[in-house]
């Protein structure tokens, strides 16, 4: 993985933020954190990202709605950003809803470091 790659972590839970960002640091990935979908959309307008790690249940705007807005973005670079959902909602319907919204991949919480790394490598 290239150390110039930047990941947007969209996660409202501080403990989960700390775990995910520590994993990213271990791979020399840069990152920014948004605590909800609205903040994520704002950051996407101002910064350049190579990948998004998206939680589903968040205040203000959840991950499914945020994913749909990213997919309908006017910029092809933004609308095609790889989105990996990281969620504790692991029913088949939850997973399908995420994929139907445009997510590229779904990972279960608690996140396993080796699985996260392998999945990130699929996209960047």
N, C-alpha and C. Protein backbone atom coordinates (compact mmCIF):
# COMPACT_ATOMS: atom_id res chain seq x y z
N UNK A 1 0.84 -1.18 0.00
CA UNK A 1 0.00 0.00 0.00
C UNK A 1 0.88 1.24 0.00
N UNK A 2 0.45 2.23 -0.71
CA UNK A 2 1.19 3.47 -0.87
C UNK A 2 0.88 4.40 0.29
N UNK A 3 1.94 5.01 0.87
CA UNK A 3 1.72 5.90 2.02
C UNK A 3 1.04 7.20 1.63
N UNK A 4 0.88 7.47 0.36
CA UNK A 4 0.20 8.68 -0.08
C UNK A 4 -1.31 8.50 -0.20
N UNK A 5 -1.77 7.31 0.00
CA UNK A 5 -3.21 7.06 -0.09
C UNK A 5 -3.90 7.61 1.14
N UNK A 6 -5.07 8.19 0.93
CA UNK A 6 -5.81 8.80 2.02
C UNK A 6 -7.19 8.15 2.14
N UNK A 7 -7.51 7.76 3.36
CA UNK A 7 -8.76 7.07 3.67
C UNK A 7 -9.65 8.01 4.48
N UNK A 8 -10.92 8.06 4.11
CA UNK A 8 -11.91 8.77 4.90
C UNK A 8 -12.61 7.75 5.79
N UNK A 9 -12.49 7.93 7.09
CA UNK A 9 -13.13 7.05 8.08
C UNK A 9 -14.40 7.75 8.54
N UNK A 10 -15.54 7.17 8.22
CA UNK A 10 -16.83 7.76 8.60
C UNK A 10 -17.40 6.89 9.72
N UNK A 11 -17.23 7.36 10.94
CA UNK A 11 -17.55 6.55 12.13
C UNK A 11 -17.84 7.49 13.30
N UNK A 12 -18.97 7.31 13.96
CA UNK A 12 -19.33 8.19 15.08
C UNK A 12 -18.81 7.71 16.43
N UNK A 13 -18.49 6.44 16.56
CA UNK A 13 -18.06 5.88 17.84
C UNK A 13 -16.56 6.12 18.03
N UNK A 14 -16.20 6.80 19.12
CA UNK A 14 -14.80 7.18 19.36
C UNK A 14 -13.88 5.96 19.50
N UNK A 15 -14.36 4.90 20.16
CA UNK A 15 -13.53 3.69 20.32
C UNK A 15 -13.27 3.07 18.95
N UNK A 16 -14.31 2.95 18.14
CA UNK A 16 -14.13 2.38 16.80
C UNK A 16 -13.22 3.25 15.94
N UNK A 17 -13.35 4.58 16.08
CA UNK A 17 -12.44 5.49 15.36
C UNK A 17 -10.99 5.19 15.73
N UNK A 18 -10.74 5.05 17.02
CA UNK A 18 -9.38 4.82 17.50
C UNK A 18 -8.82 3.50 16.98
N UNK A 19 -9.63 2.45 17.00
CA UNK A 19 -9.19 1.14 16.52
C UNK A 19 -8.88 1.20 15.02
N UNK A 20 -9.80 1.72 14.25
CA UNK A 20 -9.62 1.77 12.79
C UNK A 20 -8.43 2.64 12.42
N UNK A 21 -8.32 3.81 13.03
CA UNK A 21 -7.22 4.70 12.66
C UNK A 21 -5.87 4.14 13.10
N UNK A 22 -5.85 3.39 14.20
CA UNK A 22 -4.58 2.77 14.60
C UNK A 22 -4.16 1.71 13.57
N UNK A 23 -5.12 0.98 13.03
CA UNK A 23 -4.81 0.01 11.98
C UNK A 23 -4.28 0.72 10.73
N UNK A 24 -4.89 1.85 10.38
CA UNK A 24 -4.44 2.60 9.20
C UNK A 24 -3.03 3.15 9.40
N UNK A 25 -2.76 3.65 10.60
CA UNK A 25 -1.41 4.16 10.91
C UNK A 25 -0.36 3.08 10.75
N UNK A 26 -0.69 1.86 11.16
CA UNK A 26 0.26 0.75 11.06
C UNK A 26 0.62 0.45 9.61
N UNK A 27 -0.23 0.82 8.67
CA UNK A 27 0.04 0.63 7.25
C UNK A 27 0.47 1.91 6.57
N UNK A 28 0.79 2.93 7.36
CA UNK A 28 1.24 4.23 6.83
C UNK A 28 0.23 4.87 5.88
N UNK A 29 -1.02 4.65 6.14
CA UNK A 29 -2.07 5.32 5.38
C UNK A 29 -2.46 6.60 6.09
N UNK A 30 -2.67 7.65 5.31
CA UNK A 30 -3.19 8.88 5.91
C UNK A 30 -4.70 8.77 5.96
N UNK A 31 -5.32 9.56 6.83
CA UNK A 31 -6.77 9.47 6.98
C UNK A 31 -7.32 10.74 7.58
N UNK A 32 -8.59 10.95 7.38
CA UNK A 32 -9.38 11.95 8.08
C UNK A 32 -10.61 11.22 8.62
N UNK A 33 -11.18 11.75 9.68
CA UNK A 33 -12.34 11.13 10.31
C UNK A 33 -13.53 12.08 10.23
N UNK A 34 -14.66 11.53 9.83
CA UNK A 34 -15.94 12.24 9.86
C UNK A 34 -16.86 11.47 10.81
N UNK A 35 -17.61 12.19 11.62
CA UNK A 35 -18.44 11.54 12.62
C UNK A 35 -19.84 11.22 12.14
N UNK A 36 -20.17 11.61 10.92
CA UNK A 36 -21.48 11.28 10.34
C UNK A 36 -21.44 11.53 8.84
N UNK A 37 -22.50 11.14 8.17
CA UNK A 37 -22.54 11.27 6.71
C UNK A 37 -22.47 12.70 6.22
N UNK A 38 -23.10 13.63 6.94
CA UNK A 38 -23.05 15.04 6.51
C UNK A 38 -21.62 15.56 6.54
N UNK A 39 -20.90 15.26 7.63
CA UNK A 39 -19.50 15.70 7.72
C UNK A 39 -18.66 15.03 6.63
N UNK A 40 -18.96 13.78 6.33
CA UNK A 40 -18.23 13.06 5.28
C UNK A 40 -18.41 13.74 3.93
N UNK A 41 -19.65 14.10 3.60
CA UNK A 41 -19.91 14.76 2.31
C UNK A 41 -19.18 16.10 2.24
N UNK A 42 -19.13 16.82 3.35
CA UNK A 42 -18.42 18.09 3.39
C UNK A 42 -16.92 17.87 3.15
N UNK A 43 -16.33 16.88 3.80
CA UNK A 43 -14.90 16.59 3.62
C UNK A 43 -14.59 16.16 2.19
N UNK A 44 -15.48 15.39 1.59
CA UNK A 44 -15.28 14.92 0.22
C UNK A 44 -15.20 16.09 -0.76
N UNK A 45 -15.93 17.16 -0.47
CA UNK A 45 -15.89 18.35 -1.33
C UNK A 45 -14.57 19.11 -1.20
N UNK A 46 -13.90 18.97 -0.05
CA UNK A 46 -12.70 19.77 0.22
C UNK A 46 -11.39 19.00 0.11
N UNK A 47 -11.45 17.68 0.23
CA UNK A 47 -10.24 16.85 0.27
C UNK A 47 -10.33 15.76 -0.79
N UNK A 48 -9.19 15.14 -1.06
CA UNK A 48 -9.14 14.03 -2.02
C UNK A 48 -8.91 12.73 -1.25
N UNK A 49 -9.73 11.74 -1.53
CA UNK A 49 -9.62 10.44 -0.86
C UNK A 49 -9.49 9.33 -1.89
N UNK A 50 -8.89 8.23 -1.45
CA UNK A 50 -8.73 7.05 -2.29
C UNK A 50 -9.69 5.93 -1.89
N UNK A 51 -10.26 6.05 -0.68
CA UNK A 51 -11.11 4.99 -0.14
C UNK A 51 -11.91 5.55 1.02
N UNK A 52 -13.11 5.00 1.21
CA UNK A 52 -13.94 5.38 2.35
C UNK A 52 -14.27 4.13 3.16
N UNK A 53 -14.09 4.23 4.48
CA UNK A 53 -14.55 3.21 5.41
C UNK A 53 -15.79 3.80 6.08
N UNK A 54 -16.95 3.18 5.86
CA UNK A 54 -18.23 3.79 6.22
C UNK A 54 -19.00 2.95 7.24
N UNK A 55 -19.33 3.58 8.37
CA UNK A 55 -20.26 2.97 9.31
C UNK A 55 -21.67 3.18 8.76
N UNK A 56 -22.64 2.45 9.30
CA UNK A 56 -24.01 2.58 8.81
C UNK A 56 -24.86 3.45 9.73
N UNK A 57 -24.88 3.13 11.01
CA UNK A 57 -25.74 3.86 11.94
C UNK A 57 -24.97 5.01 12.58
N UNK A 58 -25.35 6.24 12.17
CA UNK A 58 -24.70 7.43 12.70
C UNK A 58 -25.76 8.53 12.83
N UNK A 59 -25.50 9.51 13.70
CA UNK A 59 -26.44 10.64 13.80
C UNK A 59 -26.36 11.52 12.56
N UNK A 60 -27.35 12.33 12.36
CA UNK A 60 -27.47 13.32 11.28
C UNK A 60 -27.67 12.68 9.91
N UNK A 61 -26.76 11.81 9.49
CA UNK A 61 -26.93 11.08 8.22
C UNK A 61 -26.19 9.76 8.34
N UNK A 62 -26.91 8.68 8.11
CA UNK A 62 -26.31 7.35 8.19
C UNK A 62 -25.52 6.99 6.95
N UNK A 63 -24.89 5.84 7.01
CA UNK A 63 -23.99 5.40 5.95
C UNK A 63 -24.67 5.05 4.64
N UNK A 64 -25.87 4.49 4.70
CA UNK A 64 -26.56 4.13 3.46
C UNK A 64 -26.94 5.38 2.68
N UNK A 65 -27.51 6.37 3.35
CA UNK A 65 -27.87 7.62 2.67
C UNK A 65 -26.62 8.32 2.15
N UNK A 66 -25.57 8.35 2.94
CA UNK A 66 -24.32 8.98 2.52
C UNK A 66 -23.74 8.28 1.30
N UNK A 67 -23.76 6.95 1.31
CA UNK A 67 -23.25 6.18 0.16
C UNK A 67 -24.02 6.52 -1.10
N UNK A 68 -25.34 6.60 -1.00
CA UNK A 68 -26.17 6.95 -2.16
C UNK A 68 -25.82 8.34 -2.69
N UNK A 69 -25.58 9.29 -1.79
CA UNK A 69 -25.23 10.65 -2.22
C UNK A 69 -23.85 10.67 -2.90
N UNK A 70 -22.92 9.90 -2.38
CA UNK A 70 -21.60 9.82 -3.01
C UNK A 70 -21.73 9.22 -4.40
N UNK A 71 -22.51 8.16 -4.54
CA UNK A 71 -22.68 7.50 -5.84
C UNK A 71 -23.36 8.41 -6.86
N UNK A 72 -24.17 9.36 -6.41
CA UNK A 72 -24.85 10.26 -7.35
C UNK A 72 -24.11 11.59 -7.53
N UNK A 73 -22.90 11.70 -6.99
CA UNK A 73 -22.11 12.92 -7.09
C UNK A 73 -21.79 13.24 -8.55
N UNK A 74 -21.73 14.53 -8.87
CA UNK A 74 -21.49 14.94 -10.26
C UNK A 74 -20.07 14.62 -10.74
N UNK A 75 -19.11 14.54 -9.81
CA UNK A 75 -17.74 14.23 -10.20
C UNK A 75 -17.54 12.72 -10.29
N UNK A 76 -17.08 12.22 -11.46
CA UNK A 76 -16.84 10.78 -11.59
C UNK A 76 -15.81 10.25 -10.58
N UNK A 77 -14.79 11.07 -10.26
CA UNK A 77 -13.78 10.63 -9.30
C UNK A 77 -14.44 10.37 -7.94
N UNK A 78 -15.34 11.24 -7.54
CA UNK A 78 -16.03 11.09 -6.26
C UNK A 78 -17.06 9.97 -6.33
N UNK A 79 -17.84 9.93 -7.38
CA UNK A 79 -18.93 8.95 -7.45
C UNK A 79 -18.42 7.51 -7.55
N UNK A 80 -17.17 7.34 -7.94
CA UNK A 80 -16.60 6.00 -8.08
C UNK A 80 -15.65 5.63 -6.92
N UNK A 81 -15.56 6.48 -5.89
CA UNK A 81 -14.70 6.18 -4.75
C UNK A 81 -15.07 4.82 -4.15
N UNK A 82 -14.10 3.96 -3.89
CA UNK A 82 -14.41 2.69 -3.23
C UNK A 82 -14.94 2.94 -1.82
N UNK A 83 -16.04 2.29 -1.50
CA UNK A 83 -16.66 2.41 -0.18
C UNK A 83 -16.73 1.03 0.45
N UNK A 84 -16.06 0.89 1.58
CA UNK A 84 -16.11 -0.35 2.36
C UNK A 84 -16.93 -0.06 3.61
N UNK A 85 -18.06 -0.74 3.72
CA UNK A 85 -18.90 -0.59 4.90
C UNK A 85 -18.29 -1.41 6.03
N UNK A 86 -18.20 -0.80 7.20
CA UNK A 86 -17.71 -1.47 8.40
C UNK A 86 -18.83 -1.32 9.43
N UNK A 87 -19.55 -2.42 9.70
CA UNK A 87 -20.76 -2.30 10.51
C UNK A 87 -20.98 -3.51 11.40
N UNK A 88 -21.64 -3.26 12.52
CA UNK A 88 -22.07 -4.35 13.41
C UNK A 88 -23.41 -4.91 12.95
N UNK A 89 -24.08 -4.22 12.04
CA UNK A 89 -25.34 -4.71 11.48
C UNK A 89 -25.01 -5.73 10.39
N UNK A 90 -25.09 -7.00 10.75
CA UNK A 90 -24.56 -8.01 9.84
C UNK A 90 -25.60 -8.98 9.29
N UNK A 91 -26.86 -8.61 9.34
CA UNK A 91 -27.85 -9.48 8.72
C UNK A 91 -27.66 -9.43 7.21
N UNK A 92 -28.15 -10.45 6.55
CA UNK A 92 -28.06 -10.49 5.08
C UNK A 92 -28.75 -9.27 4.47
N UNK A 93 -29.89 -8.85 5.05
CA UNK A 93 -30.61 -7.68 4.54
C UNK A 93 -29.76 -6.41 4.72
N UNK A 94 -29.13 -6.25 5.89
CA UNK A 94 -28.26 -5.09 6.11
C UNK A 94 -27.15 -5.04 5.06
N UNK A 95 -26.52 -6.17 4.84
CA UNK A 95 -25.44 -6.23 3.86
C UNK A 95 -25.96 -5.91 2.47
N UNK A 96 -27.10 -6.47 2.10
CA UNK A 96 -27.66 -6.22 0.78
C UNK A 96 -28.06 -4.76 0.61
N UNK A 97 -28.64 -4.16 1.66
CA UNK A 97 -28.99 -2.74 1.60
C UNK A 97 -27.76 -1.87 1.32
N UNK A 98 -26.65 -2.21 1.95
CA UNK A 98 -25.40 -1.46 1.73
C UNK A 98 -24.90 -1.61 0.30
N UNK A 99 -24.92 -2.84 -0.19
CA UNK A 99 -24.47 -3.09 -1.56
C UNK A 99 -25.41 -2.43 -2.56
N UNK A 100 -26.71 -2.48 -2.29
CA UNK A 100 -27.69 -1.84 -3.18
C UNK A 100 -27.50 -0.32 -3.21
N UNK A 101 -27.06 0.25 -2.11
CA UNK A 101 -26.80 1.70 -2.05
C UNK A 101 -25.55 2.09 -2.83
N UNK A 102 -24.69 1.09 -3.12
CA UNK A 102 -23.50 1.37 -3.91
C UNK A 102 -22.19 1.05 -3.23
N UNK A 103 -22.25 0.47 -2.03
CA UNK A 103 -21.00 0.09 -1.36
C UNK A 103 -20.30 -1.01 -2.15
N UNK A 104 -18.98 -1.01 -2.11
CA UNK A 104 -18.20 -2.02 -2.82
C UNK A 104 -17.99 -3.29 -2.00
N UNK A 105 -17.99 -3.13 -0.68
CA UNK A 105 -17.61 -4.26 0.17
C UNK A 105 -18.22 -4.07 1.55
N UNK A 106 -18.40 -5.15 2.28
CA UNK A 106 -18.99 -5.10 3.62
C UNK A 106 -18.11 -5.88 4.58
N UNK A 107 -17.68 -5.24 5.68
CA UNK A 107 -16.90 -5.91 6.73
C UNK A 107 -17.66 -5.82 8.04
N UNK A 108 -17.60 -6.90 8.81
CA UNK A 108 -18.27 -6.95 10.11
C UNK A 108 -17.41 -6.35 11.20
N UNK A 109 -18.08 -5.70 12.17
CA UNK A 109 -17.43 -5.32 13.41
C UNK A 109 -17.67 -6.46 14.39
N UNK A 110 -16.78 -6.75 15.30
CA UNK A 110 -15.49 -6.06 15.45
C UNK A 110 -14.56 -6.37 14.28
N UNK A 111 -13.86 -5.35 13.87
CA UNK A 111 -13.00 -5.43 12.69
C UNK A 111 -11.75 -6.25 13.00
N UNK A 112 -11.39 -7.10 12.07
CA UNK A 112 -10.16 -7.88 12.19
C UNK A 112 -9.11 -7.23 11.29
N UNK A 113 -7.96 -6.94 11.89
CA UNK A 113 -6.92 -6.18 11.20
C UNK A 113 -6.52 -6.82 9.87
N UNK A 114 -6.25 -8.12 9.86
CA UNK A 114 -5.78 -8.76 8.63
C UNK A 114 -6.84 -8.70 7.53
N UNK A 115 -8.10 -8.84 7.90
CA UNK A 115 -9.18 -8.78 6.90
C UNK A 115 -9.33 -7.35 6.38
N UNK A 116 -9.20 -6.37 7.27
CA UNK A 116 -9.26 -4.98 6.83
C UNK A 116 -8.15 -4.69 5.83
N UNK A 117 -6.92 -5.09 6.15
CA UNK A 117 -5.80 -4.84 5.24
C UNK A 117 -6.01 -5.50 3.88
N UNK A 118 -6.44 -6.75 3.88
CA UNK A 118 -6.67 -7.45 2.60
C UNK A 118 -7.76 -6.76 1.79
N UNK A 119 -8.79 -6.30 2.46
CA UNK A 119 -9.89 -5.64 1.75
C UNK A 119 -9.44 -4.29 1.20
N UNK A 120 -8.70 -3.53 1.98
CA UNK A 120 -8.19 -2.24 1.48
C UNK A 120 -7.30 -2.46 0.25
N UNK A 121 -6.48 -3.49 0.30
CA UNK A 121 -5.58 -3.78 -0.82
C UNK A 121 -6.34 -4.12 -2.11
N UNK A 122 -7.57 -4.57 -1.99
CA UNK A 122 -8.39 -4.83 -3.18
C UNK A 122 -8.71 -3.54 -3.94
N UNK A 123 -8.74 -2.43 -3.22
CA UNK A 123 -9.23 -1.18 -3.79
C UNK A 123 -8.18 -0.10 -3.96
N UNK A 124 -7.09 -0.14 -3.18
CA UNK A 124 -6.05 0.89 -3.37
C UNK A 124 -4.68 0.24 -3.35
